[in-house]
Amino acid sequence: MRQYMLAVHSVEGQTEPTEEEAQTVFRETDRINEELRAAGAWVFAGGLLAPESATVVRVDSRGTTMTDGPFAETREHLGGFWIIRCEDLDQALAWAEKCAAACGPVEVRPFDEFSQD
């Protein structure tokens, strides 16, 4: 089994969902989470606060600096993620399709071999 990150991307400035649309996303996401658990694919998942809540820590020969805000200045940012365990990429892509239908674009990335259980 291999682990994959399904990363949910958000675009700054896109129209905010209505309360009803947001509730639909939450319900669908909860349904997918339960389906992942039942299939034994669930490792963990989480939503992230806005990029403005980030702090970037850098260490170099002069010491450590901490900067408020995201690492990269961009309109697109990571909004949340799932870490799942699958037999192969095709299985991970099938889960990503369900996740994307619930909450928007999802990037699928396998963990490297050194990060596996």
N, C-alpha and C. Protein backbone atom coordinates (compact mmCIF):
# COMPACT_ATOMS: atom_id res chain seq x y z
N MET A 1 0.84 -1.18 0.00
CA MET A 1 0.00 0.00 0.00
C MET A 1 0.89 1.24 0.00
N ARG A 2 0.44 2.21 -0.71
CA ARG A 2 1.18 3.46 -0.81
C ARG A 2 0.29 4.59 -0.29
N GLN A 3 0.91 5.63 0.28
CA GLN A 3 0.15 6.78 0.75
C GLN A 3 0.17 7.89 -0.30
N TYR A 4 -0.96 8.59 -0.39
CA TYR A 4 -1.13 9.70 -1.33
C TYR A 4 -1.72 10.89 -0.59
N MET A 5 -1.33 12.08 -0.99
CA MET A 5 -1.97 13.28 -0.50
C MET A 5 -2.93 13.77 -1.57
N LEU A 6 -4.17 13.99 -1.19
CA LEU A 6 -5.15 14.60 -2.07
C LEU A 6 -5.29 16.04 -1.57
N ALA A 7 -4.72 16.98 -2.29
CA ALA A 7 -4.68 18.37 -1.86
C ALA A 7 -5.80 19.16 -2.52
N VAL A 8 -6.59 19.84 -1.71
CA VAL A 8 -7.69 20.66 -2.20
C VAL A 8 -7.17 22.08 -2.40
N HIS A 9 -7.36 22.60 -3.60
CA HIS A 9 -6.87 23.94 -3.92
C HIS A 9 -8.00 24.95 -3.94
N SER A 10 -7.71 26.13 -3.44
CA SER A 10 -8.65 27.25 -3.46
C SER A 10 -8.01 28.39 -4.25
N VAL A 11 -8.86 29.23 -4.83
CA VAL A 11 -8.37 30.37 -5.60
C VAL A 11 -8.85 31.64 -4.93
N GLU A 12 -7.89 32.48 -4.54
CA GLU A 12 -8.22 33.74 -3.91
C GLU A 12 -9.08 34.59 -4.85
N GLY A 13 -10.12 35.18 -4.31
CA GLY A 13 -10.96 36.04 -5.10
C GLY A 13 -12.12 35.34 -5.78
N GLN A 14 -12.16 34.01 -5.74
CA GLN A 14 -13.29 33.32 -6.36
C GLN A 14 -14.53 33.58 -5.51
N THR A 15 -15.67 33.49 -6.12
CA THR A 15 -16.91 33.76 -5.44
C THR A 15 -17.09 32.81 -4.26
N GLU A 16 -17.39 33.37 -3.11
CA GLU A 16 -17.62 32.55 -1.91
C GLU A 16 -18.93 31.78 -2.08
N PRO A 17 -18.96 30.54 -1.62
CA PRO A 17 -20.21 29.76 -1.72
C PRO A 17 -21.27 30.35 -0.79
N THR A 18 -22.50 30.17 -1.17
CA THR A 18 -23.60 30.55 -0.28
C THR A 18 -23.57 29.61 0.92
N GLU A 19 -24.32 29.92 1.94
CA GLU A 19 -24.40 29.04 3.12
C GLU A 19 -24.92 27.67 2.72
N GLU A 20 -25.90 27.64 1.85
CA GLU A 20 -26.46 26.36 1.39
C GLU A 20 -25.42 25.56 0.62
N GLU A 21 -24.66 26.22 -0.26
CA GLU A 21 -23.61 25.54 -1.02
C GLU A 21 -22.52 25.02 -0.09
N ALA A 22 -22.14 25.82 0.89
CA ALA A 22 -21.11 25.40 1.85
C ALA A 22 -21.58 24.17 2.63
N GLN A 23 -22.83 24.16 3.05
CA GLN A 23 -23.36 23.02 3.78
C GLN A 23 -23.37 21.76 2.93
N THR A 24 -23.64 21.92 1.63
CA THR A 24 -23.61 20.77 0.71
C THR A 24 -22.18 20.23 0.62
N VAL A 25 -21.19 21.12 0.51
CA VAL A 25 -19.79 20.69 0.46
C VAL A 25 -19.43 19.94 1.74
N PHE A 26 -19.82 20.47 2.89
CA PHE A 26 -19.52 19.81 4.17
C PHE A 26 -20.16 18.42 4.24
N ARG A 27 -21.43 18.32 3.83
CA ARG A 27 -22.12 17.02 3.86
C ARG A 27 -21.44 16.02 2.93
N GLU A 28 -21.11 16.45 1.72
CA GLU A 28 -20.46 15.55 0.76
C GLU A 28 -19.08 15.14 1.25
N THR A 29 -18.36 16.07 1.82
CA THR A 29 -17.03 15.76 2.35
C THR A 29 -17.13 14.76 3.50
N ASP A 30 -18.09 14.95 4.38
CA ASP A 30 -18.30 13.99 5.48
C ASP A 30 -18.64 12.61 4.93
N ARG A 31 -19.47 12.57 3.89
CA ARG A 31 -19.86 11.28 3.28
C ARG A 31 -18.62 10.59 2.70
N ILE A 32 -17.77 11.34 2.01
CA ILE A 32 -16.55 10.77 1.43
C ILE A 32 -15.61 10.30 2.53
N ASN A 33 -15.49 11.08 3.61
CA ASN A 33 -14.64 10.68 4.73
C ASN A 33 -15.09 9.33 5.30
N GLU A 34 -16.40 9.16 5.46
CA GLU A 34 -16.93 7.89 5.97
C GLU A 34 -16.66 6.75 4.99
N GLU A 35 -16.79 7.04 3.70
CA GLU A 35 -16.52 6.03 2.68
C GLU A 35 -15.04 5.62 2.70
N LEU A 36 -14.14 6.60 2.86
CA LEU A 36 -12.71 6.31 2.96
C LEU A 36 -12.41 5.44 4.18
N ARG A 37 -13.03 5.77 5.31
CA ARG A 37 -12.82 4.97 6.53
C ARG A 37 -13.31 3.54 6.33
N ALA A 38 -14.50 3.41 5.77
CA ALA A 38 -15.08 2.08 5.57
C ALA A 38 -14.24 1.23 4.62
N ALA A 39 -13.58 1.88 3.65
CA ALA A 39 -12.75 1.15 2.69
C ALA A 39 -11.35 0.87 3.22
N GLY A 40 -11.02 1.42 4.40
CA GLY A 40 -9.68 1.23 4.96
C GLY A 40 -8.62 2.11 4.30
N ALA A 41 -9.04 3.12 3.56
CA ALA A 41 -8.10 4.00 2.86
C ALA A 41 -7.74 5.24 3.68
N TRP A 42 -8.52 5.56 4.69
CA TRP A 42 -8.34 6.77 5.49
C TRP A 42 -7.07 6.70 6.31
N VAL A 43 -6.24 7.75 6.25
CA VAL A 43 -5.13 7.92 7.18
C VAL A 43 -5.45 9.13 8.05
N PHE A 44 -5.58 10.32 7.46
CA PHE A 44 -6.11 11.49 8.14
C PHE A 44 -6.39 12.58 7.13
N ALA A 45 -7.06 13.63 7.58
CA ALA A 45 -7.42 14.74 6.69
C ALA A 45 -7.56 16.00 7.52
N GLY A 46 -7.57 17.14 6.86
CA GLY A 46 -7.78 18.39 7.57
C GLY A 46 -7.98 19.55 6.63
N GLY A 47 -8.72 20.52 7.12
CA GLY A 47 -8.87 21.79 6.41
C GLY A 47 -7.90 22.79 7.00
N LEU A 48 -7.49 23.74 6.20
CA LEU A 48 -6.53 24.73 6.65
C LEU A 48 -7.16 26.11 6.72
N LEU A 49 -6.67 26.94 7.64
CA LEU A 49 -7.10 28.33 7.69
C LEU A 49 -6.53 29.08 6.49
N ALA A 50 -6.95 30.31 6.31
CA ALA A 50 -6.52 31.13 5.17
C ALA A 50 -5.00 31.29 5.15
N PRO A 51 -4.42 31.51 3.97
CA PRO A 51 -2.97 31.67 3.85
C PRO A 51 -2.39 32.76 4.75
N GLU A 52 -3.19 33.77 5.05
CA GLU A 52 -2.71 34.86 5.92
C GLU A 52 -2.36 34.37 7.32
N SER A 53 -2.86 33.20 7.70
CA SER A 53 -2.58 32.65 9.03
C SER A 53 -1.23 31.93 9.08
N ALA A 54 -0.58 31.77 7.93
CA ALA A 54 0.68 31.02 7.85
C ALA A 54 1.85 31.83 8.40
N THR A 55 2.87 31.11 8.82
CA THR A 55 4.17 31.69 9.19
C THR A 55 5.24 30.86 8.51
N VAL A 56 6.14 31.51 7.81
CA VAL A 56 7.24 30.83 7.14
C VAL A 56 8.49 30.96 8.00
N VAL A 57 9.13 29.84 8.32
CA VAL A 57 10.34 29.82 9.13
C VAL A 57 11.51 29.48 8.22
N ARG A 58 12.53 30.33 8.23
CA ARG A 58 13.73 30.10 7.42
C ARG A 58 14.95 30.12 8.34
N VAL A 59 15.88 29.22 8.07
CA VAL A 59 17.13 29.18 8.81
C VAL A 59 18.27 29.25 7.81
N ASP A 60 19.20 30.17 8.03
CA ASP A 60 20.40 30.26 7.20
C ASP A 60 21.58 30.61 8.09
N SER A 61 22.69 30.93 7.50
CA SER A 61 23.92 31.18 8.27
C SER A 61 23.79 32.39 9.20
N ARG A 62 22.83 33.26 8.94
CA ARG A 62 22.64 34.45 9.80
C ARG A 62 21.67 34.19 10.94
N GLY A 63 20.98 33.05 10.91
CA GLY A 63 20.04 32.74 11.98
C GLY A 63 18.68 32.36 11.43
N THR A 64 17.69 32.51 12.28
CA THR A 64 16.32 32.13 11.95
C THR A 64 15.47 33.38 11.75
N THR A 65 14.67 33.37 10.68
CA THR A 65 13.70 34.44 10.48
C THR A 65 12.32 33.82 10.36
N MET A 66 11.34 34.54 10.83
CA MET A 66 9.94 34.10 10.75
C MET A 66 9.15 35.22 10.09
N THR A 67 8.45 34.87 9.02
CA THR A 67 7.71 35.84 8.24
C THR A 67 6.23 35.47 8.25
N ASP A 68 5.38 36.45 8.57
CA ASP A 68 3.94 36.21 8.52
C ASP A 68 3.48 36.10 7.08
N GLY A 69 2.54 35.20 6.84
CA GLY A 69 1.98 35.03 5.51
C GLY A 69 2.49 33.77 4.85
N PRO A 70 1.92 33.47 3.69
CA PRO A 70 2.26 32.22 2.99
C PRO A 70 3.68 32.24 2.41
N PHE A 71 4.18 31.06 2.10
CA PHE A 71 5.51 30.91 1.51
C PHE A 71 5.59 31.59 0.15
N ALA A 72 4.58 31.37 -0.67
CA ALA A 72 4.56 31.94 -2.02
C ALA A 72 3.39 32.91 -2.15
N GLU A 73 3.64 34.03 -2.79
CA GLU A 73 2.57 34.98 -3.08
C GLU A 73 1.88 34.52 -4.35
N THR A 74 0.71 33.98 -4.20
CA THR A 74 -0.03 33.44 -5.32
C THR A 74 -1.53 33.51 -5.03
N ARG A 75 -2.34 33.47 -6.04
CA ARG A 75 -3.79 33.49 -5.87
C ARG A 75 -4.31 32.11 -5.49
N GLU A 76 -3.59 31.06 -5.85
CA GLU A 76 -4.01 29.71 -5.52
C GLU A 76 -3.28 29.24 -4.27
N HIS A 77 -3.99 28.54 -3.41
CA HIS A 77 -3.37 28.04 -2.19
C HIS A 77 -4.03 26.74 -1.75
N LEU A 78 -3.33 26.03 -0.89
CA LEU A 78 -3.83 24.78 -0.34
C LEU A 78 -4.90 25.10 0.69
N GLY A 79 -6.09 24.52 0.50
CA GLY A 79 -7.19 24.79 1.41
C GLY A 79 -7.44 23.65 2.39
N GLY A 80 -6.98 22.46 2.05
CA GLY A 80 -7.16 21.29 2.91
C GLY A 80 -6.58 20.08 2.21
N PHE A 81 -6.68 18.93 2.86
CA PHE A 81 -6.06 17.74 2.29
C PHE A 81 -6.60 16.48 2.93
N TRP A 82 -6.40 15.40 2.24
CA TRP A 82 -6.59 14.05 2.76
C TRP A 82 -5.26 13.32 2.59
N ILE A 83 -4.92 12.47 3.52
CA ILE A 83 -3.84 11.51 3.35
C ILE A 83 -4.53 10.16 3.32
N ILE A 84 -4.35 9.44 2.22
CA ILE A 84 -5.03 8.16 2.06
C ILE A 84 -4.02 7.07 1.73
N ARG A 85 -4.44 5.83 1.92
CA ARG A 85 -3.62 4.66 1.62
C ARG A 85 -4.33 3.86 0.54
N CYS A 86 -3.62 3.62 -0.58
CA CYS A 86 -4.22 2.92 -1.73
C CYS A 86 -3.26 1.90 -2.31
N GLU A 87 -3.82 0.98 -3.07
CA GLU A 87 -3.02 -0.03 -3.76
C GLU A 87 -2.15 0.60 -4.85
N ASP A 88 -2.70 1.61 -5.55
CA ASP A 88 -1.97 2.21 -6.68
C ASP A 88 -2.54 3.58 -7.01
N LEU A 89 -1.91 4.25 -7.97
CA LEU A 89 -2.32 5.59 -8.37
C LEU A 89 -3.74 5.60 -8.92
N ASP A 90 -4.12 4.58 -9.66
CA ASP A 90 -5.47 4.55 -10.21
C ASP A 90 -6.52 4.60 -9.10
N GLN A 91 -6.27 3.88 -8.03
CA GLN A 91 -7.21 3.88 -6.91
C GLN A 91 -7.23 5.27 -6.25
N ALA A 92 -6.07 5.89 -6.10
CA ALA A 92 -6.00 7.23 -5.52
C ALA A 92 -6.74 8.24 -6.41
N LEU A 93 -6.60 8.10 -7.72
CA LEU A 93 -7.29 9.01 -8.64
C LEU A 93 -8.81 8.83 -8.57
N ALA A 94 -9.26 7.62 -8.35
CA ALA A 94 -10.70 7.38 -8.21
C ALA A 94 -11.24 8.09 -6.96
N TRP A 95 -10.48 8.03 -5.85
CA TRP A 95 -10.88 8.76 -4.64
C TRP A 95 -10.83 10.26 -4.90
N ALA A 96 -9.81 10.74 -5.60
CA ALA A 96 -9.67 12.17 -5.88
C ALA A 96 -10.85 12.68 -6.70
N GLU A 97 -11.35 11.86 -7.61
CA GLU A 97 -12.51 12.26 -8.42
C GLU A 97 -13.71 12.52 -7.51
N LYS A 98 -13.93 11.66 -6.54
CA LYS A 98 -15.03 11.85 -5.60
C LYS A 98 -14.82 13.11 -4.77
N CYS A 99 -13.60 13.31 -4.32
CA CYS A 99 -13.29 14.49 -3.50
C CYS A 99 -13.45 15.77 -4.30
N ALA A 100 -12.98 15.78 -5.53
CA ALA A 100 -13.09 16.96 -6.39
C ALA A 100 -14.55 17.30 -6.69
N ALA A 101 -15.39 16.28 -6.83
CA ALA A 101 -16.81 16.52 -7.07
C ALA A 101 -17.44 17.21 -5.86
N ALA A 102 -16.92 16.93 -4.68
CA ALA A 102 -17.47 17.52 -3.46
C ALA A 102 -16.96 18.92 -3.19
N CYS A 103 -15.66 19.17 -3.47
CA CYS A 103 -15.10 20.45 -2.99
C CYS A 103 -14.17 21.16 -3.95
N GLY A 104 -14.10 20.77 -5.19
CA GLY A 104 -13.29 21.50 -6.16
C GLY A 104 -11.99 20.79 -6.49
N PRO A 105 -11.12 21.44 -7.25
CA PRO A 105 -9.90 20.79 -7.75
C PRO A 105 -9.07 20.11 -6.66
N VAL A 106 -8.59 18.92 -6.99
CA VAL A 106 -7.78 18.14 -6.05
C VAL A 106 -6.51 17.67 -6.78
N GLU A 107 -5.37 17.95 -6.18
CA GLU A 107 -4.09 17.48 -6.71
C GLU A 107 -3.72 16.19 -5.98
N VAL A 108 -3.28 15.19 -6.73
CA VAL A 108 -2.90 13.89 -6.16
C VAL A 108 -1.39 13.76 -6.23
N ARG A 109 -0.77 13.50 -5.08
CA ARG A 109 0.69 13.32 -5.05
C ARG A 109 1.04 12.15 -4.15
N PRO A 110 1.83 11.21 -4.67
CA PRO A 110 2.27 10.09 -3.84
C PRO A 110 3.37 10.55 -2.88
N PHE A 111 3.40 9.92 -1.72
CA PHE A 111 4.52 10.13 -0.81
C PHE A 111 5.73 9.39 -1.36
N ASP A 112 6.92 9.88 -1.06
CA ASP A 112 8.10 9.15 -1.51
C ASP A 112 8.25 7.87 -0.70
N GLU A 113 9.07 6.98 -1.18
CA GLU A 113 9.20 5.65 -0.56
C GLU A 113 9.72 5.73 0.87
N PHE A 114 10.42 6.80 1.24
CA PHE A 114 10.98 6.92 2.57
C PHE A 114 9.94 7.40 3.59
N SER A 115 8.78 7.86 3.10
CA SER A 115 7.73 8.36 3.99
C SER A 115 6.66 7.32 4.29
N GLN A 116 6.83 6.14 3.76
CA GLN A 116 5.82 5.09 3.92
C GLN A 116 5.95 4.41 5.26
N ASP A 117 4.84 3.81 5.70
CA ASP A 117 4.84 3.08 6.99
C ASP A 117 5.88 1.99 7.02
